[in-house]
């Protein structure tokens, strides 16, 4: 619970700290913990899960971090927090910036 709560705080802080022009929050579909973990492993992110939900955070460029996050609570739809004006439609595109994107 603590890890997931921390992720939600980080997501909220990013949204407030970076402003709407620098960060976007996008609602994705419903995904299982296994789906999130699998995508997280593919992009080199860090997966965490507790009683409240599960999430993955990356630096958007193939490593662990908090620049790109996908978080899911219970049976709710998952939310992606991404940098820039990107509008990802799936887990992988939310966790990894497109090739050539600035760091």
PDB file of N, CA and C in Angstrom:
ATOM      1  N   UNK A   1       0.823  -1.182   0.000  1.00  0.00           N
ATOM      2  CA  UNK A   1       0.000   0.000   0.000  1.00  0.00           C
ATOM      3  C   UNK A   1       0.871   1.252   0.000  1.00  0.00           C
ATOM      4  N   UNK A   2       1.952   1.209   0.731  1.00  0.00           N
ATOM      5  CA  UNK A   2       2.805   2.371   0.836  1.00  0.00           C
ATOM      6  C   UNK A   2       3.427   2.751  -0.502  1.00  0.00           C
ATOM      7  N   UNK A   3       3.915   1.741  -1.260  1.00  0.00           N
ATOM      8  CA  UNK A   3       4.539   2.013  -2.554  1.00  0.00           C
ATOM      9  C   UNK A   3       3.535   2.616  -3.528  1.00  0.00           C
ATOM     10  N   UNK A   4       2.317   2.025  -3.557  1.00  0.00           N
ATOM     11  CA  UNK A   4       1.314   2.529  -4.492  1.00  0.00           C
ATOM     12  C   UNK A   4       0.899   3.944  -4.111  1.00  0.00           C
ATOM     13  N   UNK A   5       0.724   4.188  -2.813  1.00  0.00           N
ATOM     14  CA  UNK A   5       0.359   5.523  -2.350  1.00  0.00           C
ATOM     15  C   UNK A   5       1.433   6.529  -2.718  1.00  0.00           C
ATOM     16  N   UNK A   6       2.696   6.123  -2.578  1.00  0.00           N
ATOM     17  CA  UNK A   6       3.796   6.996  -2.959  1.00  0.00           C
ATOM     18  C   UNK A   6       3.742   7.315  -4.448  1.00  0.00           C
ATOM     19  N   UNK A   7       3.427   6.315  -5.249  1.00  0.00           N
ATOM     20  CA  UNK A   7       3.328   6.538  -6.694  1.00  0.00           C
ATOM     21  C   UNK A   7       2.228   7.542  -7.018  1.00  0.00           C
ATOM     22  N   UNK A   8       1.095   7.438  -6.320  1.00  0.00           N
ATOM     23  CA  UNK A   8       0.008   8.385  -6.560  1.00  0.00           C
ATOM     24  C   UNK A   8       0.415   9.798  -6.154  1.00  0.00           C
ATOM     25  N   UNK A   9       1.165   9.917  -5.055  1.00  0.00           N
ATOM     26  CA  UNK A   9       1.659  11.222  -4.640  1.00  0.00           C
ATOM     27  C   UNK A   9       2.613  11.778  -5.692  1.00  0.00           C
ATOM     28  N   UNK A  10       3.505  10.932  -6.193  1.00  0.00           N
ATOM     29  CA  UNK A  10       4.442  11.361  -7.228  1.00  0.00           C
ATOM     30  C   UNK A  10       3.682  11.800  -8.474  1.00  0.00           C
ATOM     31  N   UNK A  11       2.674  11.017  -8.867  1.00  0.00           N
ATOM     32  CA  UNK A  11       1.889  11.369 -10.052  1.00  0.00           C
ATOM     33  C   UNK A  11       1.218  12.726  -9.851  1.00  0.00           C
ATOM     34  N   UNK A  12       0.636  12.941  -8.681  1.00  0.00           N
ATOM     35  CA  UNK A  12      -0.022  14.209  -8.398  1.00  0.00           C
ATOM     36  C   UNK A  12       0.962  15.359  -8.376  1.00  0.00           C
ATOM     37  N   UNK A  13       2.115  15.129  -7.786  1.00  0.00           N
ATOM     38  CA  UNK A  13       3.138  16.166  -7.726  1.00  0.00           C
ATOM     39  C   UNK A  13       3.638  16.544  -9.111  1.00  0.00           C
ATOM     40  N   UNK A  14       3.819  15.545  -9.959  1.00  0.00           N
ATOM     41  CA  UNK A  14       4.260  15.826 -11.324  1.00  0.00           C
ATOM     42  C   UNK A  14       3.233  16.663 -12.058  1.00  0.00           C
ATOM     43  N   UNK A  15       1.975  16.330 -11.884  1.00  0.00           N
ATOM     44  CA  UNK A  15       0.918  17.055 -12.580  1.00  0.00           C
ATOM     45  C   UNK A  15       0.883  18.514 -12.133  1.00  0.00           C
ATOM     46  N   UNK A  16       1.041  18.747 -10.838  1.00  0.00           N
ATOM     47  CA  UNK A  16       1.007  20.108 -10.316  1.00  0.00           C
ATOM     48  C   UNK A  16       2.312  20.834 -10.630  1.00  0.00           C
ATOM     49  N   UNK A  17       3.442  20.168 -10.390  1.00  0.00           N
ATOM     50  CA  UNK A  17       4.750  20.801 -10.548  1.00  0.00           C
ATOM     51  C   UNK A  17       5.110  21.115 -11.980  1.00  0.00           C
ATOM     52  N   UNK A  18       4.737  20.278 -12.893  1.00  0.00           N
ATOM     53  CA  UNK A  18       5.138  20.482 -14.280  1.00  0.00           C
ATOM     54  C   UNK A  18       4.121  21.275 -15.089  1.00  0.00           C
ATOM     55  N   UNK A  19       2.901  21.353 -14.629  1.00  0.00           N
ATOM     56  CA  UNK A  19       1.882  22.091 -15.356  1.00  0.00           C
ATOM     57  C   UNK A  19       1.327  21.289 -16.509  1.00  0.00           C
ATOM     58  N   UNK A  20       0.208  21.732 -17.037  1.00  0.00           N
ATOM     59  CA  UNK A  20      -0.475  20.969 -18.076  1.00  0.00           C
ATOM     60  C   UNK A  20       0.287  20.912 -19.389  1.00  0.00           C
ATOM     61  N   UNK A  21       1.161  21.873 -19.651  1.00  0.00           N
ATOM     62  CA  UNK A  21       1.916  21.859 -20.903  1.00  0.00           C
ATOM     63  C   UNK A  21       3.054  20.845 -20.864  1.00  0.00           C
ATOM     64  N   UNK A  22       3.541  20.508 -19.675  1.00  0.00           N
ATOM     65  CA  UNK A  22       4.684  19.620 -19.558  1.00  0.00           C
ATOM     66  C   UNK A  22       4.309  18.186 -19.227  1.00  0.00           C
ATOM     67  N   UNK A  23       3.125  17.948 -18.707  1.00  0.00           N
ATOM     68  CA  UNK A  23       2.731  16.601 -18.317  1.00  0.00           C
ATOM     69  C   UNK A  23       1.283  16.361 -18.697  1.00  0.00           C
ATOM     70  N   UNK A  24       0.983  15.106 -18.944  1.00  0.00           N
ATOM     71  CA  UNK A  24      -0.385  14.741 -19.288  1.00  0.00           C
ATOM     72  C   UNK A  24      -0.789  13.523 -18.480  1.00  0.00           C
ATOM     73  N   UNK A  25      -2.045  13.468 -18.103  1.00  0.00           N
ATOM     74  CA  UNK A  25      -2.608  12.317 -17.431  1.00  0.00           C
ATOM     75  C   UNK A  25      -3.666  11.741 -18.361  1.00  0.00           C
ATOM     76  N   UNK A  26      -3.501  10.468 -18.700  1.00  0.00           N
ATOM     77  CA  UNK A  26      -4.366   9.829 -19.678  1.00  0.00           C
ATOM     78  C   UNK A  26      -4.984   8.579 -19.061  1.00  0.00           C
ATOM     79  N   UNK A  27      -6.294   8.428 -19.187  1.00  0.00           N
ATOM     80  CA  UNK A  27      -6.961   7.233 -18.700  1.00  0.00           C
ATOM     81  C   UNK A  27      -6.854   6.141 -19.754  1.00  0.00           C
ATOM     82  N   UNK A  28      -6.345   5.001 -19.330  1.00  0.00           N
ATOM     83  CA  UNK A  28      -6.219   3.838 -20.213  1.00  0.00           C
ATOM     84  C   UNK A  28      -7.314   2.840 -19.861  1.00  0.00           C
ATOM     85  N   UNK A  29      -7.291   1.674 -20.469  1.00  0.00           N
ATOM     86  CA  UNK A  29      -8.248   0.622 -20.154  1.00  0.00           C
ATOM     87  C   UNK A  29      -7.902  -0.074 -18.851  1.00  0.00           C
ATOM     88  N   UNK A  30      -8.602  -1.165 -18.587  1.00  0.00           N
ATOM     89  CA  UNK A  30      -8.311  -1.980 -17.412  1.00  0.00           C
ATOM     90  C   UNK A  30      -7.260  -3.014 -17.776  1.00  0.00           C
ATOM     91  N   UNK A  31      -6.256  -3.150 -16.918  1.00  0.00           N
ATOM     92  CA  UNK A  31      -5.182  -4.102 -17.152  1.00  0.00           C
ATOM     93  C   UNK A  31      -4.910  -4.880 -15.874  1.00  0.00           C
ATOM     94  N   UNK A  32      -4.530  -6.130 -16.025  1.00  0.00           N
ATOM     95  CA  UNK A  32      -4.199  -6.970 -14.881  1.00  0.00           C
ATOM     96  C   UNK A  32      -2.785  -6.632 -14.396  1.00  0.00           C
ATOM     97  N   UNK A  33      -2.469  -7.032 -13.163  1.00  0.00           N
ATOM     98  CA  UNK A  33      -1.097  -6.824 -12.692  1.00  0.00           C
ATOM     99  C   UNK A  33      -0.074  -7.501 -13.600  1.00  0.00           C
ATOM    100  N   UNK A  34      -0.428  -8.658 -14.119  1.00  0.00           N
ATOM    101  CA  UNK A  34       0.489  -9.385 -15.007  1.00  0.00           C
ATOM    102  C   UNK A  34       0.764  -8.604 -16.288  1.00  0.00           C
ATOM    103  N   UNK A  35      -0.266  -7.973 -16.844  1.00  0.00           N
ATOM    104  CA  UNK A  35      -0.083  -7.176 -18.060  1.00  0.00           C
ATOM    105  C   UNK A  35       0.814  -5.970 -17.798  1.00  0.00           C
ATOM    106  N   UNK A  36       0.589  -5.305 -16.673  1.00  0.00           N
ATOM    107  CA  UNK A  36       1.412  -4.140 -16.334  1.00  0.00           C
ATOM    108  C   UNK A  36       2.855  -4.577 -16.087  1.00  0.00           C
ATOM    109  N   UNK A  37       3.049  -5.658 -15.322  1.00  0.00           N
ATOM    110  CA  UNK A  37       4.399  -6.149 -15.030  1.00  0.00           C
ATOM    111  C   UNK A  37       5.127  -6.558 -16.303  1.00  0.00           C
ATOM    112  N   UNK A  38       4.443  -7.242 -17.213  1.00  0.00           N
ATOM    113  CA  UNK A  38       5.060  -7.672 -18.460  1.00  0.00           C
ATOM    114  C   UNK A  38       5.544  -6.466 -19.273  1.00  0.00           C
ATOM    115  N   UNK A  39       4.684  -5.463 -19.423  1.00  0.00           N
ATOM    116  CA  UNK A  39       5.063  -4.257 -20.162  1.00  0.00           C
ATOM    117  C   UNK A  39       6.198  -3.534 -19.439  1.00  0.00           C
ATOM    118  N   UNK A  40       6.117  -3.493 -18.120  1.00  0.00           N
ATOM    119  CA  UNK A  40       7.135  -2.832 -17.314  1.00  0.00           C
ATOM    120  C   UNK A  40       8.498  -3.480 -17.527  1.00  0.00           C
ATOM    121  N   UNK A  41       8.529  -4.803 -17.521  1.00  0.00           N
ATOM    122  CA  UNK A  41       9.779  -5.531 -17.746  1.00  0.00           C
ATOM    123  C   UNK A  41      10.349  -5.243 -19.138  1.00  0.00           C
ATOM    124  N   UNK A  42       9.471  -5.107 -20.138  1.00  0.00           N
ATOM    125  CA  UNK A  42       9.924  -4.862 -21.512  1.00  0.00           C
ATOM    126  C   UNK A  42      10.613  -3.513 -21.664  1.00  0.00           C
ATOM    127  N   UNK A  43      10.191  -2.526 -20.861  1.00  0.00           N
ATOM    128  CA  UNK A  43      10.759  -1.180 -21.011  1.00  0.00           C
ATOM    129  C   UNK A  43      11.757  -0.831 -19.908  1.00  0.00           C
ATOM    130  N   UNK A  44      12.104  -1.801 -19.067  1.00  0.00           N
ATOM    131  CA  UNK A  44      13.104  -1.562 -18.033  1.00  0.00           C
ATOM    132  C   UNK A  44      12.619  -0.749 -16.855  1.00  0.00           C
ATOM    133  N   UNK A  45      11.317  -0.760 -16.621  1.00  0.00           N
ATOM    134  CA  UNK A  45      10.750   0.008 -15.510  1.00  0.00           C
ATOM    135  C   UNK A  45      10.762  -0.748 -14.201  1.00  0.00           C
ATOM    136  N   UNK A  46      10.160  -0.131 -13.193  1.00  0.00           N
ATOM    137  CA  UNK A  46      10.064  -0.737 -11.871  1.00  0.00           C
ATOM    138  C   UNK A  46       8.591  -0.951 -11.543  1.00  0.00           C
ATOM    139  N   UNK A  47       8.213  -2.220 -11.332  1.00  0.00           N
ATOM    140  CA  UNK A  47       6.840  -2.609 -11.018  1.00  0.00           C
ATOM    141  C   UNK A  47       6.673  -2.714  -9.513  1.00  0.00           C
ATOM    142  N   UNK A  48       5.538  -2.264  -8.999  1.00  0.00           N
ATOM    143  CA  UNK A  48       5.218  -2.468  -7.592  1.00  0.00           C
ATOM    144  C   UNK A  48       3.723  -2.756  -7.459  1.00  0.00           C
ATOM    145  N   UNK A  49       3.403  -3.517  -6.422  1.00  0.00           N
ATOM    146  CA  UNK A  49       2.020  -3.911  -6.181  1.00  0.00           C
ATOM    147  C   UNK A  49       1.788  -3.999  -4.681  1.00  0.00           C
ATOM    148  N   UNK A  50       0.595  -3.592  -4.250  1.00  0.00           N
ATOM    149  CA  UNK A  50       0.181  -3.746  -2.862  1.00  0.00           C
ATOM    150  C   UNK A  50      -1.328  -3.935  -2.824  1.00  0.00           C
ATOM    151  N   UNK A  51      -1.915  -3.870  -1.657  1.00  0.00           N
ATOM    152  CA  UNK A  51      -3.347  -4.127  -1.504  1.00  0.00           C
ATOM    153  C   UNK A  51      -4.217  -3.088  -2.218  1.00  0.00           C
ATOM    154  N   UNK A  52      -3.691  -1.895  -2.455  1.00  0.00           N
ATOM    155  CA  UNK A  52      -4.456  -0.819  -3.096  1.00  0.00           C
ATOM    156  C   UNK A  52      -4.429  -0.872  -4.615  1.00  0.00           C
ATOM    157  N   UNK A  53      -3.388  -1.460  -5.189  1.00  0.00           N
ATOM    158  CA  UNK A  53      -3.272  -1.495  -6.644  1.00  0.00           C
ATOM    159  C   UNK A  53      -1.864  -1.849  -7.074  1.00  0.00           C
ATOM    160  N   UNK A  54      -1.528  -1.462  -8.287  1.00  0.00           N
ATOM    161  CA  UNK A  54      -0.232  -1.812  -8.861  1.00  0.00           C
ATOM    162  C   UNK A  54       0.156  -0.743  -9.869  1.00  0.00           C
ATOM    163  N   UNK A  55       1.472  -0.600 -10.076  1.00  0.00           N
ATOM    164  CA  UNK A  55       1.933   0.420 -11.004  1.00  0.00           C
ATOM    165  C   UNK A  55       3.317   0.095 -11.537  1.00  0.00           C
ATOM    166  N   UNK A  56       3.710   0.864 -12.537  1.00  0.00           N
ATOM    167  CA  UNK A  56       5.047   0.767 -13.117  1.00  0.00           C
ATOM    168  C   UNK A  56       5.527   2.188 -13.385  1.00  0.00           C
ATOM    169  N   UNK A  57       6.774   2.442 -13.057  1.00  0.00           N
ATOM    170  CA  UNK A  57       7.368   3.741 -13.325  1.00  0.00           C
ATOM    171  C   UNK A  57       8.635   3.584 -14.135  1.00  0.00           C
ATOM    172  N   UNK A  58       8.845   4.498 -15.077  1.00  0.00           N
ATOM    173  CA  UNK A  58      10.053   4.491 -15.894  1.00  0.00           C
ATOM    174  C   UNK A  58      10.566   5.917 -16.047  1.00  0.00           C
ATOM    175  N   UNK A  59      11.774   6.031 -16.597  1.00  0.00           N
ATOM    176  CA  UNK A  59      12.298   7.344 -16.948  1.00  0.00           C
ATOM    177  C   UNK A  59      11.913   7.706 -18.387  1.00  0.00           C
ATOM    178  N   UNK A  60      11.045   6.914 -18.990  1.00  0.00           N
ATOM    179  CA  UNK A  60      10.550   7.076 -20.367  1.00  0.00           C
ATOM    180  C   UNK A  60      11.576   6.675 -21.428  1.00  0.00           C
ATOM    181  N   UNK A  61      12.786   6.295 -21.000  1.00  0.00           N
ATOM    182  CA  UNK A  61      13.847   5.989 -21.960  1.00  0.00           C
ATOM    183  C   UNK A  61      14.550   4.676 -21.650  1.00  0.00           C
ATOM    184  N   UNK A  62      13.834   3.720 -21.058  1.00  0.00           N
ATOM    185  CA  UNK A  62      14.410   2.400 -20.850  1.00  0.00           C
ATOM    186  C   UNK A  62      14.993   2.128 -19.481  1.00  0.00           C
ATOM    187  N   UNK A  63      14.631   2.928 -18.488  1.00  0.00           N
ATOM    188  CA  UNK A  63      15.129   2.703 -17.141  1.00  0.00           C
ATOM    189  C   UNK A  63      14.073   3.027 -16.106  1.00  0.00           C
ATOM    190  N   UNK A  64      14.336   2.643 -14.868  1.00  0.00           N
ATOM    191  CA  UNK A  64      13.409   2.940 -13.780  1.00  0.00           C
ATOM    192  C   UNK A  64      13.380   4.447 -13.527  1.00  0.00           C
ATOM    193  N   UNK A  65      12.250   4.931 -13.073  1.00  0.00           N
ATOM    194  CA  UNK A  65      12.101   6.352 -12.772  1.00  0.00           C
ATOM    195  C   UNK A  65      10.645   6.693 -12.566  1.00  0.00           C
ATOM    196  N   UNK A  66      10.345   7.974 -12.562  1.00  0.00           N
ATOM    197  CA  UNK A  66       8.965   8.413 -12.343  1.00  0.00           C
ATOM    198  C   UNK A  66       8.485   9.414 -13.395  1.00  0.00           C
ATOM    199  N   UNK A  67       9.174   9.516 -14.516  1.00  0.00           N
ATOM    200  CA  UNK A  67       8.728  10.432 -15.564  1.00  0.00           C
ATOM    201  C   UNK A  67       7.500   9.900 -16.294  1.00  0.00           C
ATOM    202  N   UNK A  68       7.419   8.587 -16.452  1.00  0.00           N
ATOM    203  CA  UNK A  68       6.270   7.937 -17.090  1.00  0.00           C
ATOM    204  C   UNK A  68       5.769   6.857 -16.137  1.00  0.00           C
ATOM    205  N   UNK A  69       4.508   6.941 -15.754  1.00  0.00           N
ATOM    206  CA  UNK A  69       3.929   6.013 -14.785  1.00  0.00           C
ATOM    207  C   UNK A  69       2.578   5.522 -15.292  1.00  0.00           C
ATOM    208  N   UNK A  70       2.314   4.240 -15.089  1.00  0.00           N
ATOM    209  CA  UNK A  70       0.982   3.689 -15.284  1.00  0.00           C
ATOM    210  C   UNK A  70       0.580   3.091 -13.949  1.00  0.00           C
ATOM    211  N   UNK A  71      -0.541   3.556 -13.392  1.00  0.00           N
ATOM    212  CA  UNK A  71      -1.018   3.077 -12.106  1.00  0.00           C
ATOM    213  C   UNK A  71      -2.453   2.597 -12.202  1.00  0.00           C
ATOM    214  N   UNK A  72      -2.758   1.509 -11.500  1.00  0.00           N
ATOM    215  CA  UNK A  72      -4.096   0.915 -11.520  1.00  0.00           C
ATOM    216  C   UNK A  72      -4.551   0.652 -10.093  1.00  0.00           C
ATOM    217  N   UNK A  73      -5.779   0.980  -9.790  1.00  0.00           N
ATOM    218  CA  UNK A  73      -6.359   0.732  -8.472  1.00  0.00           C
ATOM    219  C   UNK A  73      -7.510  -0.248  -8.612  1.00  0.00           C
ATOM    220  N   UNK A  74      -7.445  -1.354  -7.886  1.00  0.00           N
ATOM    221  CA  UNK A  74      -8.533  -2.317  -7.875  1.00  0.00           C
ATOM    222  C   UNK A  74      -9.065  -2.625  -9.260  1.00  0.00           C
ATOM    223  N   UNK A  75     -10.379  -2.527  -9.433  1.00  0.00           N
ATOM    224  CA  UNK A  75     -11.007  -2.806 -10.711  1.00  0.00           C
ATOM    225  C   UNK A  75     -11.185  -1.585 -11.589  1.00  0.00           C
ATOM    226  N   UNK A  76     -10.604  -0.460 -11.180  1.00  0.00           N
ATOM    227  CA  UNK A  76     -10.729   0.778 -11.952  1.00  0.00           C
ATOM    228  C   UNK A  76      -9.841   0.756 -13.186  1.00  0.00           C
ATOM    229  N   UNK A  77     -10.127   1.670 -14.081  1.00  0.00           N
ATOM    230  CA  UNK A  77      -9.258   1.828 -15.249  1.00  0.00           C
ATOM    231  C   UNK A  77      -7.926   2.385 -14.804  1.00  0.00           C
ATOM    232  N   UNK A  78      -6.895   2.073 -15.551  1.00  0.00           N
ATOM    233  CA  UNK A  78      -5.540   2.515 -15.233  1.00  0.00           C
ATOM    234  C   UNK A  78      -5.324   3.933 -15.755  1.00  0.00           C
ATOM    235  N   UNK A  79      -4.435   4.648 -15.086  1.00  0.00           N
ATOM    236  CA  UNK A  79      -4.113   6.026 -15.460  1.00  0.00           C
ATOM    237  C   UNK A  79      -2.632   6.107 -15.784  1.00  0.00           C
ATOM    238  N   UNK A  80      -2.310   6.770 -16.882  1.00  0.00           N
ATOM    239  CA  UNK A  80      -0.917   6.988 -17.272  1.00  0.00           C
ATOM    240  C   UNK A  80      -0.558   8.447 -17.031  1.00  0.00           C
ATOM    241  N   UNK A  81       0.586   8.671 -16.450  1.00  0.00           N
ATOM    242  CA  UNK A  81       1.144  10.015 -16.288  1.00  0.00           C
ATOM    243  C   UNK A  81       2.369  10.068 -17.178  1.00  0.00           C
ATOM    244  N   UNK A  82       2.355  10.941 -18.171  1.00  0.00           N
ATOM    245  CA  UNK A  82       3.454  11.016 -19.135  1.00  0.00           C
ATOM    246  C   UNK A  82       3.939  12.446 -19.288  1.00  0.00           C
ATOM    247  N   UNK A  83       5.167  12.588 -19.749  1.00  0.00           N
ATOM    248  CA  UNK A  83       5.728  13.906 -19.985  1.00  0.00           C
ATOM    249  C   UNK A  83       5.272  14.428 -21.346  1.00  0.00           C
ATOM    250  N   UNK A  84       5.252  15.713 -21.487  1.00  0.00           N
ATOM    251  CA  UNK A  84       4.894  16.324 -22.760  1.00  0.00           C
ATOM    252  C   UNK A  84       3.411  16.194 -23.071  1.00  0.00           C
ATOM    253  N   UNK A  85       3.094  16.362 -24.317  1.00  0.00           N
ATOM    254  CA  UNK A  85       1.703  16.342 -24.756  1.00  0.00           C
ATOM    255  C   UNK A  85       1.307  15.003 -25.370  1.00  0.00           C
ATOM    256  N   UNK A  86       2.074  13.948 -25.061  1.00  0.00           N
ATOM    257  CA  UNK A  86       1.768  12.639 -25.629  1.00  0.00           C
ATOM    258  C   UNK A  86       0.413  12.141 -25.150  1.00  0.00           C
ATOM    259  N   UNK A  87      -0.242  11.365 -25.972  1.00  0.00           N
ATOM    260  CA  UNK A  87      -1.526  10.746 -25.639  1.00  0.00           C
ATOM    261  C   UNK A  87      -1.427   9.256 -25.926  1.00  0.00           C
ATOM    262  N   UNK A  88      -0.763   8.497 -25.038  1.00  0.00           N
ATOM    263  CA  UNK A  88      -0.601   7.059 -25.268  1.00  0.00           C
ATOM    264  C   UNK A  88      -1.933   6.332 -25.236  1.00  0.00           C
ATOM    265  N   UNK A  89      -2.010   5.240 -25.987  1.00  0.00           N
ATOM    266  CA  UNK A  89      -3.239   4.453 -26.040  1.00  0.00           C
ATOM    267  C   UNK A  89      -3.065   3.063 -25.423  1.00  0.00           C
ATOM    268  N   UNK A  90      -1.817   2.724 -25.078  1.00  0.00           N
ATOM    269  CA  UNK A  90      -1.569   1.420 -24.465  1.00  0.00           C
ATOM    270  C   UNK A  90      -0.456   1.550 -23.436  1.00  0.00           C
ATOM    271  N   UNK A  91      -0.195   0.468 -22.726  1.00  0.00           N
ATOM    272  CA  UNK A  91       0.786   0.490 -21.636  1.00  0.00           C
ATOM    273  C   UNK A  91       2.181   0.826 -22.149  1.00  0.00           C
ATOM    274  N   UNK A  92       2.627   0.128 -23.182  1.00  0.00           N
ATOM    275  CA  UNK A  92       3.998   0.346 -23.678  1.00  0.00           C
ATOM    276  C   UNK A  92       4.233   1.777 -24.137  1.00  0.00           C
ATOM    277  N   UNK A  93       3.287   2.338 -24.865  1.00  0.00           N
ATOM    278  CA  UNK A  93       3.489   3.711 -25.346  1.00  0.00           C
ATOM    279  C   UNK A  93       3.407   4.727 -24.205  1.00  0.00           C
ATOM    280  N   UNK A  94       2.768   4.361 -23.101  1.00  0.00           N
ATOM    281  CA  UNK A  94       2.731   5.245 -21.938  1.00  0.00           C
ATOM    282  C   UNK A  94       4.044   5.212 -21.170  1.00  0.00           C
ATOM    283  N   UNK A  95       4.693   4.050 -21.149  1.00  0.00           N
ATOM    284  CA  UNK A  95       5.901   3.877 -20.350  1.00  0.00           C
ATOM    285  C   UNK A  95       7.190   4.200 -21.088  1.00  0.00           C
ATOM    286  N   UNK A  96       7.121   4.330 -22.395  1.00  0.00           N
ATOM    287  CA  UNK A  96       8.334   4.597 -23.166  1.00  0.00           C
ATOM    288  C   UNK A  96       8.052   5.701 -24.194  1.00  0.00           C
ATOM    289  N   UNK A  97       8.880   6.717 -24.167  1.00  0.00           N
ATOM    290  CA  UNK A  97       8.737   7.825 -25.129  1.00  0.00           C
ATOM    291  C   UNK A  97       9.079   7.327 -26.515  1.00  0.00           C
ATOM    292  N   UNK A  98       8.494   7.938 -27.551  1.00  0.00           N
ATOM    293  CA  UNK A  98       8.812   7.547 -28.918  1.00  0.00           C
ATOM    294  C   UNK A  98      10.286   7.809 -29.238  1.00  0.00           C
ATOM    295  N   UNK A  99      10.855   7.065 -30.183  1.00  0.00           N
ATOM    296  CA  UNK A  99      12.251   7.276 -30.562  1.00  0.00           C
ATOM    297  C   UNK A  99      12.486   8.748 -30.943  1.00  0.00           C
ATOM    298  N   UNK A 100      13.600   9.265 -30.516  1.00  0.00           N
ATOM    299  CA  UNK A 100      13.941  10.649 -30.834  1.00  0.00           C
ATOM    300  C   UNK A 100      13.375  11.667 -29.872  1.00  0.00           C
ATOM    301  N   UNK A 101      12.578  11.234 -28.898  1.00  0.00           N
ATOM    302  CA  UNK A 101      12.014  12.168 -27.923  1.00  0.00           C
ATOM    303  C   UNK A 101      13.128  12.664 -27.009  1.00  0.00           C
ATOM    304  N   UNK A 102      13.098  13.944 -26.652  1.00  0.00           N
ATOM    305  CA  UNK A 102      14.152  14.477 -25.786  1.00  0.00           C
ATOM    306  C   UNK A 102      14.098  13.872 -24.391  1.00  0.00           C
ATOM    307  N   UNK A 103      15.237  13.838 -23.747  1.00  0.00           N
ATOM    308  CA  UNK A 103      15.315  13.334 -22.359  1.00  0.00           C
ATOM    309  C   UNK A 103      15.023  14.415 -21.386  1.00  0.00           C
TER     310      UNK A 103
END
